[in-house]
Amino acid sequence: FVIPYRPNMNVISALLEIRRNPINAKGEATT
């Protein structure tokens, strides 16, 4: 996955970003 960077993110924040927009690095919709 490739997600937008924001300052002071933790790993949970990154996982929440994936949950908000579950698209993998290939641009494919996923779970």
PDB file of all heavy atoms in Angstrom:
ATOM      1  N   PHE A   1       0.849  -1.195   0.000  1.00  0.00           N
ATOM      2  CA  PHE A   1       0.000   0.000   0.000  1.00  0.00           C
ATOM      3  C   PHE A   1       0.880   1.239   0.000  1.00  0.00           C
ATOM      4  O   PHE A   1       1.972   1.240   0.585  1.00  0.00           O
ATOM      5  CB  PHE A   1      -0.905   0.033   1.243  1.00  0.00           C
ATOM      6  CG  PHE A   1      -1.884  -1.104   1.330  1.00  0.00           C
ATOM      7  CD1 PHE A   1      -1.534  -2.306   1.956  1.00  0.00           C
ATOM      8  CD2 PHE A   1      -3.147  -0.992   0.778  1.00  0.00           C
ATOM      9  CE1 PHE A   1      -2.432  -3.353   2.039  1.00  0.00           C
ATOM     10  CE2 PHE A   1      -4.063  -2.043   0.858  1.00  0.00           C
ATOM     11  CZ  PHE A   1      -3.703  -3.220   1.493  1.00  0.00           C
ATOM     12  N   VAL A   2       0.404   2.282  -0.647  1.00  0.00           N
ATOM     13  CA  VAL A   2       1.059   3.581  -0.606  1.00  0.00           C
ATOM     14  C   VAL A   2       0.011   4.593  -0.143  1.00  0.00           C
ATOM     15  O   VAL A   2      -1.016   4.766  -0.797  1.00  0.00           O
ATOM     16  CB  VAL A   2       1.632   3.992  -1.975  1.00  0.00           C
ATOM     17  CG1 VAL A   2       2.229   5.393  -1.896  1.00  0.00           C
ATOM     18  CG2 VAL A   2       2.680   2.993  -2.433  1.00  0.00           C
ATOM     19  N   ILE A   3       0.282   5.241   0.982  1.00  0.00           N
ATOM     20  CA  ILE A   3      -0.697   6.163   1.549  1.00  0.00           C
ATOM     21  C   ILE A   3      -0.051   7.532   1.749  1.00  0.00           C
ATOM     22  O   ILE A   3       1.176   7.644   1.841  1.00  0.00           O
ATOM     23  CB  ILE A   3      -1.243   5.640   2.900  1.00  0.00           C
ATOM     24  CG1 ILE A   3      -0.116   5.509   3.924  1.00  0.00           C
ATOM     25  CG2 ILE A   3      -1.943   4.298   2.709  1.00  0.00           C
ATOM     26  CD1 ILE A   3      -0.596   5.187   5.313  1.00  0.00           C
ATOM     27  N   PRO A   4      -0.849   8.588   1.833  1.00  0.00           N
ATOM     28  CA  PRO A   4      -0.296   9.932   2.035  1.00  0.00           C
ATOM     29  C   PRO A   4       0.377  10.066   3.400  1.00  0.00           C
ATOM     30  O   PRO A   4      -0.105   9.542   4.400  1.00  0.00           O
ATOM     31  CB  PRO A   4      -1.530  10.844   1.939  1.00  0.00           C
ATOM     32  CG  PRO A   4      -2.575  10.018   1.289  1.00  0.00           C
ATOM     33  CD  PRO A   4      -2.315   8.607   1.660  1.00  0.00           C
ATOM     34  N   TYR A   5       1.483  10.774   3.402  1.00  0.00           N
ATOM     35  CA  TYR A   5       2.211  11.019   4.652  1.00  0.00           C
ATOM     36  C   TYR A   5       1.652  12.234   5.374  1.00  0.00           C
ATOM     37  O   TYR A   5       1.332  13.253   4.767  1.00  0.00           O
ATOM     38  CB  TYR A   5       3.694  11.243   4.367  1.00  0.00           C
ATOM     39  CG  TYR A   5       4.455  11.766   5.567  1.00  0.00           C
ATOM     40  CD1 TYR A   5       4.784  10.918   6.613  1.00  0.00           C
ATOM     41  CD2 TYR A   5       4.810  13.113   5.650  1.00  0.00           C
ATOM     42  CE1 TYR A   5       5.465  11.400   7.732  1.00  0.00           C
ATOM     43  CE2 TYR A   5       5.491  13.599   6.761  1.00  0.00           C
ATOM     44  CZ  TYR A   5       5.818  12.739   7.805  1.00  0.00           C
ATOM     45  OH  TYR A   5       6.473  13.221   8.897  1.00  0.00           O
ATOM     46  N   ARG A   6       1.537  12.094   6.697  1.00  0.00           N
ATOM     47  CA  ARG A   6       1.208  13.223   7.553  1.00  0.00           C
ATOM     48  C   ARG A   6       2.173  13.208   8.740  1.00  0.00           C
ATOM     49  O   ARG A   6       2.562  12.123   9.191  1.00  0.00           O
ATOM     50  CB  ARG A   6      -0.231  13.143   8.085  1.00  0.00           C
ATOM     51  CG  ARG A   6      -1.306  13.187   7.024  1.00  0.00           C
ATOM     52  CD  ARG A   6      -2.691  13.424   7.671  1.00  0.00           C
ATOM     53  NE  ARG A   6      -2.962  12.538   8.771  1.00  0.00           N
ATOM     54  CZ  ARG A   6      -3.482  11.312   8.656  1.00  0.00           C
ATOM     55  NH1 ARG A   6      -3.772  10.841   7.451  1.00  0.00           N
ATOM     56  NH2 ARG A   6      -3.729  10.569   9.723  1.00  0.00           N
ATOM     57  N   PRO A   7       2.540  14.351   9.251  1.00  0.00           N
ATOM     58  CA  PRO A   7       3.448  14.366  10.406  1.00  0.00           C
ATOM     59  C   PRO A   7       2.811  13.683  11.620  1.00  0.00           C
ATOM     60  O   PRO A   7       1.598  13.680  11.796  1.00  0.00           O
ATOM     61  CB  PRO A   7       3.649  15.864  10.677  1.00  0.00           C
ATOM     62  CG  PRO A   7       3.306  16.550   9.401  1.00  0.00           C
ATOM     63  CD  PRO A   7       2.211  15.710   8.774  1.00  0.00           C
ATOM     64  N   ASN A   8       3.668  13.064  12.415  1.00  0.00           N
ATOM     65  CA  ASN A   8       3.276  12.473  13.717  1.00  0.00           C
ATOM     66  C   ASN A   8       2.319  11.288  13.588  1.00  0.00           C
ATOM     67  O   ASN A   8       1.573  10.998  14.528  1.00  0.00           O
ATOM     68  CB  ASN A   8       2.655  13.540  14.630  1.00  0.00           C
ATOM     69  CG  ASN A   8       3.574  14.717  14.863  1.00  0.00           C
ATOM     70  OD1 ASN A   8       4.783  14.535  15.056  1.00  0.00           O
ATOM     71  ND2 ASN A   8       3.032  15.924  14.815  1.00  0.00           N
ATOM     72  N   MET A   9       2.334  10.602  12.484  1.00  0.00           N
ATOM     73  CA  MET A   9       1.491   9.411  12.326  1.00  0.00           C
ATOM     74  C   MET A   9       2.095   8.232  13.084  1.00  0.00           C
ATOM     75  O   MET A   9       3.313   8.079  13.157  1.00  0.00           O
ATOM     76  CB  MET A   9       1.341   9.033  10.846  1.00  0.00           C
ATOM     77  CG  MET A   9       0.544   9.996  10.003  1.00  0.00           C
ATOM     78  SD  MET A   9       0.450   9.451   8.268  1.00  0.00           S
ATOM     79  CE  MET A   9      -0.624   8.017   8.399  1.00  0.00           C
ATOM     80  N   ASN A  10       1.220   7.403  13.633  1.00  0.00           N
ATOM     81  CA  ASN A  10       1.675   6.116  14.143  1.00  0.00           C
ATOM     82  C   ASN A  10       1.188   5.023  13.191  1.00  0.00           C
ATOM     83  O   ASN A  10       0.515   5.300  12.189  1.00  0.00           O
ATOM     84  CB  ASN A  10       1.182   5.875  15.575  1.00  0.00           C
ATOM     85  CG  ASN A  10      -0.333   5.905  15.698  1.00  0.00           C
ATOM     86  OD1 ASN A  10      -1.052   5.920  14.701  1.00  0.00           O
ATOM     87  ND2 ASN A  10      -0.835   5.904  16.920  1.00  0.00           N
ATOM     88  N   VAL A  11       1.534   3.775  13.476  1.00  0.00           N
ATOM     89  CA  VAL A  11       1.162   2.679  12.576  1.00  0.00           C
ATOM     90  C   VAL A  11      -0.353   2.517  12.507  1.00  0.00           C
ATOM     91  O   VAL A  11      -0.906   2.222  11.447  1.00  0.00           O
ATOM     92  CB  VAL A  11       1.850   1.367  13.014  1.00  0.00           C
ATOM     93  CG1 VAL A  11       1.305   0.174  12.236  1.00  0.00           C
ATOM     94  CG2 VAL A  11       3.359   1.468  12.817  1.00  0.00           C
ATOM     95  N   ILE A  12      -1.037   2.729  13.630  1.00  0.00           N
ATOM     96  CA  ILE A  12      -2.499   2.657  13.628  1.00  0.00           C
ATOM     97  C   ILE A  12      -3.083   3.690  12.663  1.00  0.00           C
ATOM     98  O   ILE A  12      -4.038   3.403  11.926  1.00  0.00           O
ATOM     99  CB  ILE A  12      -3.061   2.888  15.051  1.00  0.00           C
ATOM    100  CG1 ILE A  12      -2.632   1.759  15.991  1.00  0.00           C
ATOM    101  CG2 ILE A  12      -4.587   3.004  15.018  1.00  0.00           C
ATOM    102  CD1 ILE A  12      -3.266   0.429  15.735  1.00  0.00           C
ATOM    103  N   SER A  13      -2.523   4.890  12.641  1.00  0.00           N
ATOM    104  CA  SER A  13      -2.998   5.932  11.726  1.00  0.00           C
ATOM    105  C   SER A  13      -2.868   5.480  10.281  1.00  0.00           C
ATOM    106  O   SER A  13      -3.752   5.733   9.454  1.00  0.00           O
ATOM    107  CB  SER A  13      -2.208   7.228  11.936  1.00  0.00           C
ATOM    108  OG  SER A  13      -2.355   7.711  13.243  1.00  0.00           O
ATOM    109  N   ALA A  14      -1.756   4.807   9.968  1.00  0.00           N
ATOM    110  CA  ALA A  14      -1.551   4.316   8.607  1.00  0.00           C
ATOM    111  C   ALA A  14      -2.577   3.242   8.246  1.00  0.00           C
ATOM    112  O   ALA A  14      -3.127   3.232   7.134  1.00  0.00           O
ATOM    113  CB  ALA A  14      -0.135   3.766   8.475  1.00  0.00           C
ATOM    114  N   LEU A  15      -2.865   2.354   9.199  1.00  0.00           N
ATOM    115  CA  LEU A  15      -3.859   1.312   8.947  1.00  0.00           C
ATOM    116  C   LEU A  15      -5.262   1.904   8.796  1.00  0.00           C
ATOM    117  O   LEU A  15      -6.065   1.420   7.992  1.00  0.00           O
ATOM    118  CB  LEU A  15      -3.834   0.292  10.091  1.00  0.00           C
ATOM    119  CG  LEU A  15      -2.587  -0.600  10.152  1.00  0.00           C
ATOM    120  CD1 LEU A  15      -2.556  -1.394  11.449  1.00  0.00           C
ATOM    121  CD2 LEU A  15      -2.527  -1.544   8.951  1.00  0.00           C
ATOM    122  N   LEU A  16      -5.539   2.945   9.555  1.00  0.00           N
ATOM    123  CA  LEU A  16      -6.832   3.618   9.421  1.00  0.00           C
ATOM    124  C   LEU A  16      -6.961   4.290   8.056  1.00  0.00           C
ATOM    125  O   LEU A  16      -8.056   4.345   7.480  1.00  0.00           O
ATOM    126  CB  LEU A  16      -7.012   4.654  10.537  1.00  0.00           C
ATOM    127  CG  LEU A  16      -7.269   4.104  11.938  1.00  0.00           C
ATOM    128  CD1 LEU A  16      -7.202   5.219  12.979  1.00  0.00           C
ATOM    129  CD2 LEU A  16      -8.616   3.396  12.017  1.00  0.00           C
ATOM    130  N   GLU A  17      -5.861   4.788   7.531  1.00  0.00           N
ATOM    131  CA  GLU A  17      -5.868   5.396   6.203  1.00  0.00           C
ATOM    132  C   GLU A  17      -6.188   4.349   5.138  1.00  0.00           C
ATOM    133  O   GLU A  17      -6.935   4.604   4.197  1.00  0.00           O
ATOM    134  CB  GLU A  17      -4.514   6.050   5.919  1.00  0.00           C
ATOM    135  CG  GLU A  17      -4.455   6.860   4.640  1.00  0.00           C
ATOM    136  CD  GLU A  17      -5.342   8.099   4.666  1.00  0.00           C
ATOM    137  OE1 GLU A  17      -5.584   8.635   5.760  1.00  0.00           O
ATOM    138  OE2 GLU A  17      -5.789   8.520   3.575  1.00  0.00           O
ATOM    139  N   ILE A  18      -5.643   3.148   5.303  1.00  0.00           N
ATOM    140  CA  ILE A  18      -5.956   2.049   4.383  1.00  0.00           C
ATOM    141  C   ILE A  18      -7.423   1.666   4.508  1.00  0.00           C
ATOM    142  O   ILE A  18      -8.101   1.406   3.509  1.00  0.00           O
ATOM    143  CB  ILE A  18      -5.044   0.829   4.662  1.00  0.00           C
ATOM    144  CG1 ILE A  18      -3.582   1.173   4.358  1.00  0.00           C
ATOM    145  CG2 ILE A  18      -5.497  -0.380   3.840  1.00  0.00           C
ATOM    146  CD1 ILE A  18      -2.605   0.084   4.770  1.00  0.00           C
ATOM    147  N   ARG A  19      -7.924   1.633   5.731  1.00  0.00           N
ATOM    148  CA  ARG A  19      -9.343   1.311   5.931  1.00  0.00           C
ATOM    149  C   ARG A  19     -10.241   2.354   5.254  1.00  0.00           C
ATOM    150  O   ARG A  19     -11.268   2.018   4.672  1.00  0.00           O
ATOM    151  CB  ARG A  19      -9.655   1.242   7.425  1.00  0.00           C
ATOM    152  CG  ARG A  19     -11.132   1.020   7.728  1.00  0.00           C
ATOM    153  CD  ARG A  19     -11.412   0.979   9.215  1.00  0.00           C
ATOM    154  NE  ARG A  19     -10.874  -0.225   9.833  1.00  0.00           N
ATOM    155  CZ  ARG A  19     -10.961  -0.490  11.135  1.00  0.00           C
ATOM    156  NH1 ARG A  19     -11.533   0.383  11.949  1.00  0.00           N
ATOM    157  NH2 ARG A  19     -10.463  -1.606  11.618  1.00  0.00           N
ATOM    158  N   ARG A  20      -9.840   3.615   5.345  1.00  0.00           N
ATOM    159  CA  ARG A  20     -10.632   4.695   4.739  1.00  0.00           C
ATOM    160  C   ARG A  20     -10.683   4.570   3.220  1.00  0.00           C
ATOM    161  O   ARG A  20     -11.715   4.843   2.588  1.00  0.00           O
ATOM    162  CB  ARG A  20     -10.041   6.047   5.126  1.00  0.00           C
ATOM    163  CG  ARG A  20     -10.875   7.248   4.697  1.00  0.00           C
ATOM    164  CD  ARG A  20     -10.170   8.551   5.005  1.00  0.00           C
ATOM    165  NE  ARG A  20      -9.000   8.733   4.167  1.00  0.00           N
ATOM    166  CZ  ARG A  20      -9.058   9.193   2.905  1.00  0.00           C
ATOM    167  NH1 ARG A  20     -10.222   9.512   2.365  1.00  0.00           N
ATOM    168  NH2 ARG A  20      -7.954   9.327   2.204  1.00  0.00           N
ATOM    169  N   ASN A  21      -9.562   4.121   2.642  1.00  0.00           N
ATOM    170  CA  ASN A  21      -9.482   4.016   1.179  1.00  0.00           C
ATOM    171  C   ASN A  21      -8.711   2.750   0.820  1.00  0.00           C
ATOM    172  O   ASN A  21      -7.513   2.795   0.530  1.00  0.00           O
ATOM    173  CB  ASN A  21      -8.790   5.255   0.604  1.00  0.00           C
ATOM    174  CG  ASN A  21      -8.795   5.261  -0.909  1.00  0.00           C
ATOM    175  OD1 ASN A  21      -9.710   4.732  -1.543  1.00  0.00           O
ATOM    176  ND2 ASN A  21      -7.764   5.846  -1.513  1.00  0.00           N
ATOM    177  N   PRO A  22      -9.370   1.577   0.845  1.00  0.00           N
ATOM    178  CA  PRO A  22      -8.668   0.306   0.627  1.00  0.00           C
ATOM    179  C   PRO A  22      -8.295   0.061  -0.845  1.00  0.00           C
ATOM    180  O   PRO A  22      -8.915  -0.742  -1.554  1.00  0.00           O
ATOM    181  CB  PRO A  22      -9.665  -0.738   1.138  1.00  0.00           C
ATOM    182  CG  PRO A  22     -11.003  -0.100   0.993  1.00  0.00           C
ATOM    183  CD  PRO A  22     -10.800   1.366   1.179  1.00  0.00           C
ATOM    184  N   ILE A  23      -7.277   0.771  -1.274  1.00  0.00           N
ATOM    185  CA  ILE A  23      -6.724   0.608  -2.620  1.00  0.00           C
ATOM    186  C   ILE A  23      -5.253   0.258  -2.461  1.00  0.00           C
ATOM    187  O   ILE A  23      -4.508   0.962  -1.766  1.00  0.00           O
ATOM    188  CB  ILE A  23      -6.851   1.910  -3.447  1.00  0.00           C
ATOM    189  CG1 ILE A  23      -8.308   2.375  -3.525  1.00  0.00           C
ATOM    190  CG2 ILE A  23      -6.262   1.714  -4.847  1.00  0.00           C
ATOM    191  CD1 ILE A  23      -9.219   1.453  -4.305  1.00  0.00           C
ATOM    192  N   ASN A  24      -4.794  -0.841  -3.080  1.00  0.00           N
ATOM    193  CA  ASN A  24      -3.398  -1.220  -2.928  1.00  0.00           C
ATOM    194  C   ASN A  24      -2.495  -0.416  -3.867  1.00  0.00           C
ATOM    195  O   ASN A  24      -2.965   0.430  -4.631  1.00  0.00           O
ATOM    196  CB  ASN A  24      -3.211  -2.733  -3.108  1.00  0.00           C
ATOM    197  CG  ASN A  24      -3.580  -3.213  -4.506  1.00  0.00           C
ATOM    198  OD1 ASN A  24      -3.538  -2.453  -5.483  1.00  0.00           O
ATOM    199  ND2 ASN A  24      -3.939  -4.484  -4.604  1.00  0.00           N
ATOM    200  N   ALA A  25      -1.202  -0.688  -3.811  1.00  0.00           N
ATOM    201  CA  ALA A  25      -0.236   0.092  -4.573  1.00  0.00           C
ATOM    202  C   ALA A  25      -0.400  -0.075  -6.085  1.00  0.00           C
ATOM    203  O   ALA A  25       0.055   0.767  -6.854  1.00  0.00           O
ATOM    204  CB  ALA A  25       1.180  -0.298  -4.155  1.00  0.00           C
ATOM    205  N   LYS A  26      -1.059  -1.153  -6.516  1.00  0.00           N
ATOM    206  CA  LYS A  26      -1.318  -1.370  -7.936  1.00  0.00           C
ATOM    207  C   LYS A  26      -2.550  -0.619  -8.416  1.00  0.00           C
ATOM    208  O   LYS A  26      -2.897  -0.686  -9.601  1.00  0.00           O
ATOM    209  CB  LYS A  26      -1.494  -2.866  -8.206  1.00  0.00           C
ATOM    210  CG  LYS A  26      -0.251  -3.702  -7.916  1.00  0.00           C
ATOM    211  CD  LYS A  26      -0.535  -5.182  -8.168  1.00  0.00           C
ATOM    212  CE  LYS A  26       0.684  -6.031  -7.856  1.00  0.00           C
ATOM    213  NZ  LYS A  26       0.413  -7.491  -8.064  1.00  0.00           N
ATOM    214  N   GLY A  27      -3.215   0.071  -7.506  1.00  0.00           N
ATOM    215  CA  GLY A  27      -4.438   0.786  -7.852  1.00  0.00           C
ATOM    216  C   GLY A  27      -5.668  -0.084  -7.844  1.00  0.00           C
ATOM    217  O   GLY A  27      -6.736   0.335  -8.312  1.00  0.00           O
ATOM    218  N   GLU A  28      -5.556  -1.289  -7.280  1.00  0.00           N
ATOM    219  CA  GLU A  28      -6.673  -2.230  -7.254  1.00  0.00           C
ATOM    220  C   GLU A  28      -7.463  -2.083  -5.951  1.00  0.00           C
ATOM    221  O   GLU A  28      -6.886  -1.902  -4.874  1.00  0.00           O
ATOM    222  CB  GLU A  28      -6.156  -3.673  -7.356  1.00  0.00           C
ATOM    223  CG  GLU A  28      -5.340  -3.943  -8.603  1.00  0.00           C
ATOM    224  CD  GLU A  28      -4.583  -5.266  -8.530  1.00  0.00           C
ATOM    225  OE1 GLU A  28      -4.355  -5.757  -7.399  1.00  0.00           O
ATOM    226  OE2 GLU A  28      -4.222  -5.795  -9.600  1.00  0.00           O
ATOM    227  N   ALA A  29      -8.774  -2.190  -6.064  1.00  0.00           N
ATOM    228  CA  ALA A  29      -9.621  -2.186  -4.872  1.00  0.00           C
ATOM    229  C   ALA A  29      -9.397  -3.488  -4.098  1.00  0.00           C
ATOM    230  O   ALA A  29      -9.331  -4.568  -4.677  1.00  0.00           O
ATOM    231  CB  ALA A  29     -11.080  -2.036  -5.270  1.00  0.00           C
ATOM    232  N   THR A  30      -9.268  -3.368  -2.786  1.00  0.00           N
ATOM    233  CA  THR A  30      -9.036  -4.541  -1.952  1.00  0.00           C
ATOM    234  C   THR A  30      -9.839  -4.396  -0.669  1.00  0.00           C
ATOM    235  O   THR A  30     -10.629  -3.454  -0.527  1.00  0.00           O
ATOM    236  CB  THR A  30      -7.528  -4.693  -1.648  1.00  0.00           C
ATOM    237  OG1 THR A  30      -7.303  -5.903  -0.918  1.00  0.00           O
ATOM    238  CG2 THR A  30      -6.997  -3.516  -0.845  1.00  0.00           C
ATOM    239  N   THR A  31      -9.661  -5.311   0.239  1.00  0.00           N
ATOM    240  CA  THR A  31     -10.353  -5.223   1.535  1.00  0.00           C
ATOM    241  C   THR A  31      -9.486  -4.478   2.532  1.00  0.00           C
ATOM    242  O   THR A  31      -8.253  -4.460   2.411  1.00  0.00           O
ATOM    243  CB  THR A  31     -10.658  -6.628   2.087  1.00  0.00           C
ATOM    244  OG1 THR A  31      -9.437  -7.367   2.174  1.00  0.00           O
ATOM    245  CG2 THR A  31     -11.633  -7.355   1.169  1.00  0.00           C
TER     246      THR A  31
END
